[in-house]
Amino acid sequence: MGKVFLTGAGPGDFELMTIKALRMIREADVIIYDRLANPEILKEAKDGIECIYVGKADGRHSVPQDEINEILYQSALKYEKVVRLKGGDPFVFGRGGEEALYLNKRGIKFEIIPGITSAVSVPAYAGIPVTQRGMAVSFRVVTGHEAPNKEVSQIPWENFKTNDTIVFLMGLYNLPQISTKLIEIGREKDTPCAVISKGTTSEQKTVVGTLETIQNEVIKAKIVSPALIIVGEVVNLRKNLQWFD
């Protein structure tokens, strides 16, 4: 019986992957990978190993999560070292916790290899610090998958009235509703907002606006997913800190 390594691939730039993650990819007997993991990483794997794609795009799984869980389990019965490769960090909206629990119930050993989350690294590549003394002393990371007009929400929207930085992951499709909801709860219409597409890669594209204008900016720039939304005064620092794109 083998071991499953729930491994963070980082935000996209190959060089932002950890040394440990790279070592495990090179030692893996099978790699089960997501859409957001840089495909260049697979070139580091041993020749002839099985690579299983279980990616997801715009809310649609090519393989349902319960099947992914079972693939991990069956792979651990067959192989010694199973790498479950996820974009960013496996425990930041990566469903790594669900997969680890599934393996634990079935007596499969697992290890978590953290990755650099896009929630911090992608804004950094756009020249936007998520915190800044005198401007934002904390930040929130929120799933953007859930539409704000959902009747029963897991997101505490009323807590977002403060000037904290808010980072929405995977929220491009719901951007109009997110902007409207933040204005409804009390954030000013002219609150700075940025959307960053394909962050940390050569295709990175960033648009800046306000909660009121950002959707139009996204449409004009033809921004595509994967994309991250960041809201707060720190967005204004981009004009001085922009360095990558």
Protein backbone atom coordinates (compact mmCIF):
# COMPACT_ATOMS: atom_id res chain seq x y z
CA MET A 1 0.00 0.00 0.00
CA GLY A 2 1.38 3.37 -1.02
CA LYS A 3 1.23 6.93 0.19
CA VAL A 4 -0.53 9.94 -1.31
CA PHE A 5 1.26 13.28 -1.42
CA LEU A 6 -1.27 16.13 -1.64
CA THR A 7 1.03 18.58 -3.36
CA GLY A 8 0.71 22.29 -4.09
CA ALA A 9 2.09 23.25 -7.49
CA GLY A 10 2.11 26.98 -6.76
CA PRO A 11 0.38 29.75 -8.71
CA GLY A 12 1.68 29.05 -12.22
CA ASP A 13 5.28 30.16 -12.53
CA PHE A 14 7.29 26.92 -12.55
CA GLU A 15 10.00 28.47 -10.37
CA LEU A 16 7.52 29.22 -7.59
CA MET A 17 7.05 25.52 -6.89
CA THR A 18 8.75 24.30 -3.72
CA ILE A 19 11.85 22.13 -3.75
CA LYS A 20 9.97 19.38 -1.93
CA ALA A 21 7.12 19.42 -4.44
CA LEU A 22 9.60 19.12 -7.31
CA ARG A 23 11.37 16.22 -5.60
CA MET A 24 8.14 14.31 -5.12
CA ILE A 25 7.11 14.87 -8.75
CA ARG A 26 10.41 13.38 -9.85
CA GLU A 27 9.95 10.39 -7.53
CA ALA A 28 6.24 9.81 -8.20
CA ASP A 29 4.90 6.55 -9.62
CA VAL A 30 1.67 8.26 -10.71
CA ILE A 31 0.57 11.91 -10.88
CA ILE A 32 -3.07 12.96 -10.61
CA TYR A 33 -3.22 16.61 -11.63
CA ASP A 34 -5.54 19.61 -11.94
CA ARG A 35 -6.05 22.18 -14.70
CA LEU A 36 -4.32 24.94 -12.73
CA ALA A 37 -1.07 23.03 -12.32
CA ASN A 38 1.48 24.21 -14.88
CA PRO A 39 1.76 21.36 -17.46
CA GLU A 40 5.49 22.05 -17.74
CA ILE A 41 5.81 20.45 -14.31
CA LEU A 42 4.89 17.05 -15.73
CA LYS A 43 8.06 17.10 -17.83
CA GLU A 44 9.97 16.60 -14.57
CA ALA A 45 8.28 13.24 -13.93
CA LYS A 46 9.93 9.90 -14.61
CA ASP A 47 9.59 8.55 -18.13
CA GLY A 48 6.56 6.39 -18.73
CA ILE A 49 4.68 7.08 -15.49
CA GLU A 50 0.91 7.38 -15.54
CA CYS A 51 -0.43 10.96 -15.44
CA ILE A 52 -4.18 11.28 -14.81
CA TYR A 53 -5.96 14.56 -15.60
CA VAL A 54 -8.87 15.45 -13.30
CA GLY A 55 -9.13 19.17 -14.04
CA LYS A 56 -12.00 21.57 -13.65
CA ALA A 57 -13.06 24.60 -15.70
CA ASP A 58 -15.80 27.18 -15.03
CA GLY A 59 -17.44 25.07 -12.35
CA ARG A 60 -17.41 21.85 -14.37
CA HIS A 61 -15.39 18.84 -13.27
CA SER A 62 -14.06 16.60 -16.02
CA VAL A 63 -14.14 14.02 -13.22
CA PRO A 64 -16.53 14.44 -10.24
CA GLN A 65 -14.89 14.92 -6.84
CA ASP A 66 -16.11 11.60 -5.45
CA GLU A 67 -14.48 9.84 -8.40
CA ILE A 68 -11.24 11.77 -7.85
CA ASN A 69 -11.25 10.58 -4.23
CA GLU A 70 -11.63 7.00 -5.38
CA ILE A 71 -8.89 7.39 -8.00
CA LEU A 72 -6.54 8.49 -5.23
CA TYR A 73 -7.51 5.51 -3.12
CA GLN A 74 -7.12 2.98 -5.91
CA SER A 75 -3.81 4.52 -6.98
CA ALA A 76 -2.48 4.16 -3.44
CA LEU A 77 -3.36 0.45 -3.55
CA LYS A 78 -1.41 0.10 -6.79
CA TYR A 79 1.55 2.48 -6.47
CA GLU A 80 4.07 3.35 -3.76
CA LYS A 81 4.18 7.13 -4.34
CA VAL A 82 1.05 8.90 -5.53
CA VAL A 83 1.29 12.64 -6.19
CA ARG A 84 -1.96 14.59 -6.21
CA LEU A 85 -0.86 17.81 -7.89
CA LYS A 86 -2.97 20.91 -7.31
CA GLY A 87 -2.57 24.50 -8.41
CA GLY A 88 -1.69 26.86 -5.57
CA ASP A 89 -1.99 25.24 -2.14
CA PRO A 90 -4.02 22.05 -1.58
CA PHE A 91 -5.72 23.45 1.53
CA VAL A 92 -6.75 26.84 0.07
CA PHE A 93 -9.97 26.09 -1.82
CA GLY A 94 -8.23 23.07 -3.31
CA ARG A 95 -10.45 20.43 -1.68
CA GLY A 96 -7.31 18.89 -0.25
CA GLY A 97 -9.01 18.50 3.13
CA GLU A 98 -11.82 16.45 1.58
CA GLU A 99 -9.36 14.18 -0.18
CA ALA A 100 -7.24 13.73 2.94
CA LEU A 101 -10.32 12.80 4.98
CA TYR A 102 -11.36 10.26 2.35
CA LEU A 103 -7.92 8.65 2.44
CA ASN A 104 -7.81 8.70 6.23
CA LYS A 105 -11.10 6.80 6.48
CA ARG A 106 -9.67 4.11 4.25
CA GLY A 107 -6.39 3.75 6.09
CA ILE A 108 -4.25 5.32 3.38
CA LYS A 109 -1.19 7.28 4.49
CA PHE A 110 -0.94 10.82 3.15
CA GLU A 111 1.29 13.86 3.40
CA ILE A 112 0.52 17.51 2.72
CA ILE A 113 3.08 19.47 0.70
CA PRO A 114 1.99 23.11 0.89
CA GLY A 115 2.22 25.33 -2.17
CA ILE A 116 2.38 29.08 -2.65
CA THR A 117 -1.23 30.22 -2.84
CA SER A 118 -2.38 32.48 -5.68
CA ALA A 119 -4.22 34.59 -3.08
CA VAL A 120 -0.93 36.24 -2.13
CA SER A 121 1.47 35.55 -4.99
CA VAL A 122 -0.71 36.68 -7.91
CA PRO A 123 -1.40 40.14 -6.42
CA ALA A 124 2.33 40.40 -5.66
CA TYR A 125 3.16 39.76 -9.33
CA ALA A 126 0.70 42.52 -10.22
CA GLY A 127 2.39 44.93 -7.81
CA ILE A 128 -0.38 44.77 -5.21
CA PRO A 129 0.53 43.88 -1.61
CA VAL A 130 -2.41 42.33 0.22
CA THR A 131 -1.45 44.24 3.39
CA GLN A 132 0.16 47.65 3.83
CA ARG A 133 0.85 49.59 7.00
CA GLY A 134 -1.64 52.42 7.40
CA MET A 135 -3.82 51.08 4.62
CA ALA A 136 -4.79 47.44 5.24
CA VAL A 137 -3.79 45.52 8.36
CA SER A 138 -5.53 42.29 7.36
CA PHE A 139 -6.92 40.49 4.34
CA ARG A 140 -9.63 37.94 3.60
CA VAL A 141 -9.51 35.12 1.08
CA VAL A 142 -12.95 34.18 -0.20
CA THR A 143 -14.26 31.67 -2.71
CA GLY A 144 -15.69 33.39 -5.74
CA HIS A 145 -17.62 30.34 -6.88
CA GLU A 146 -20.62 31.09 -4.68
CA ALA A 147 -22.97 33.66 -6.19
CA PRO A 148 -23.69 36.50 -3.69
CA ASN A 149 -27.43 36.30 -4.37
CA LYS A 150 -27.61 32.75 -3.09
CA GLU A 151 -30.49 32.43 -0.57
CA VAL A 152 -28.42 30.61 2.05
CA SER A 153 -24.78 31.72 1.91
CA GLN A 154 -21.73 30.39 3.73
CA ILE A 155 -20.00 33.72 3.15
CA PRO A 156 -20.40 36.32 5.96
CA TRP A 157 -20.93 39.28 3.63
CA GLU A 158 -21.88 41.65 6.45
CA ASN A 159 -18.35 41.28 7.83
CA PHE A 160 -16.85 42.74 4.65
CA LYS A 161 -17.80 46.34 5.48
CA THR A 162 -14.34 47.14 6.86
CA ASN A 163 -11.40 48.39 4.81
CA ASP A 164 -9.68 44.99 4.84
CA THR A 165 -8.33 43.71 1.55
CA ILE A 166 -10.56 41.05 0.02
CA VAL A 167 -9.24 38.45 -2.41
CA PHE A 168 -11.78 36.39 -4.34
CA LEU A 169 -10.48 33.22 -5.94
CA MET A 170 -12.23 31.73 -8.98
CA GLY A 171 -14.80 34.52 -9.06
CA LEU A 172 -14.63 35.94 -12.59
CA TYR A 173 -18.04 34.59 -13.60
CA ASN A 174 -19.67 36.10 -10.49
CA LEU A 175 -17.82 39.43 -10.65
CA PRO A 176 -20.94 41.57 -11.37
CA GLN A 177 -22.80 40.09 -8.40
CA ILE A 178 -19.74 40.34 -6.14
CA SER A 179 -19.29 44.04 -6.93
CA THR A 180 -22.99 44.76 -6.44
CA LYS A 181 -23.10 42.88 -3.14
CA LEU A 182 -20.10 44.73 -1.71
CA ILE A 183 -21.68 48.07 -2.60
CA GLU A 184 -24.99 46.95 -1.06
CA ILE A 185 -23.34 46.13 2.27
CA GLY A 186 -21.59 49.49 2.45
CA ARG A 187 -18.32 49.46 0.51
CA GLU A 188 -17.96 52.66 -1.52
CA LYS A 189 -18.60 52.47 -5.27
CA ASP A 190 -15.16 53.94 -5.92
CA THR A 191 -13.33 51.30 -3.86
CA PRO A 192 -10.32 50.21 -5.95
CA CYS A 193 -10.59 46.79 -7.54
CA ALA A 194 -8.32 44.72 -9.78
CA VAL A 195 -8.76 41.51 -11.72
CA ILE A 196 -5.66 39.48 -12.57
CA SER A 197 -5.80 36.73 -15.18
CA LYS A 198 -3.29 33.87 -15.48
CA GLY A 199 -1.16 35.39 -12.75
CA THR A 200 2.60 34.74 -12.47
CA THR A 201 2.72 33.36 -16.03
CA SER A 202 3.85 34.95 -19.29
CA GLU A 203 0.14 35.47 -20.11
CA GLN A 204 -0.61 37.50 -16.98
CA LYS A 205 -3.03 40.33 -17.62
CA THR A 206 -4.26 42.87 -15.05
CA VAL A 207 -7.08 45.39 -15.20
CA VAL A 208 -7.84 48.01 -12.56
CA GLY A 209 -11.05 49.89 -11.84
CA THR A 210 -13.51 50.39 -9.02
CA LEU A 211 -16.33 48.24 -7.71
CA GLU A 212 -18.60 50.23 -10.01
CA THR A 213 -16.45 50.02 -13.17
CA ILE A 214 -14.44 46.81 -12.92
CA GLN A 215 -16.86 44.63 -14.90
CA ASN A 216 -16.66 46.97 -17.90
CA GLU A 217 -12.86 46.96 -17.65
CA VAL A 218 -12.83 43.16 -17.65
CA ILE A 219 -15.04 43.03 -20.74
CA LYS A 220 -12.96 45.62 -22.61
CA ALA A 221 -9.72 43.78 -21.83
CA LYS A 222 -11.24 40.36 -22.65
CA ILE A 223 -10.05 38.90 -19.36
CA VAL A 224 -10.35 35.11 -19.11
CA SER A 225 -10.13 32.59 -16.29
CA PRO A 226 -8.35 31.57 -14.22
CA ALA A 227 -8.60 35.00 -12.67
CA LEU A 228 -8.39 36.53 -9.22
CA ILE A 229 -10.28 39.57 -7.90
CA ILE A 230 -8.72 41.85 -5.31
CA VAL A 231 -10.64 44.67 -3.60
CA GLY A 232 -9.22 47.42 -1.40
CA GLU A 233 -7.07 50.53 -1.21
CA VAL A 234 -3.92 48.44 -1.74
CA VAL A 235 -4.86 48.18 -5.42
CA ASN A 236 -3.78 51.82 -5.80
CA LEU A 237 -0.20 50.83 -4.99
CA ARG A 238 0.06 49.01 -8.32
CA LYS A 239 0.89 52.23 -10.19
CA ASN A 240 4.15 52.44 -8.21
CA LEU A 241 4.86 48.77 -7.55
CA GLN A 242 4.03 47.22 -10.92
CA TRP A 243 7.10 45.19 -11.91
CA PHE A 244 6.19 41.98 -13.71
CA ASP A 245 3.73 42.82 -16.47
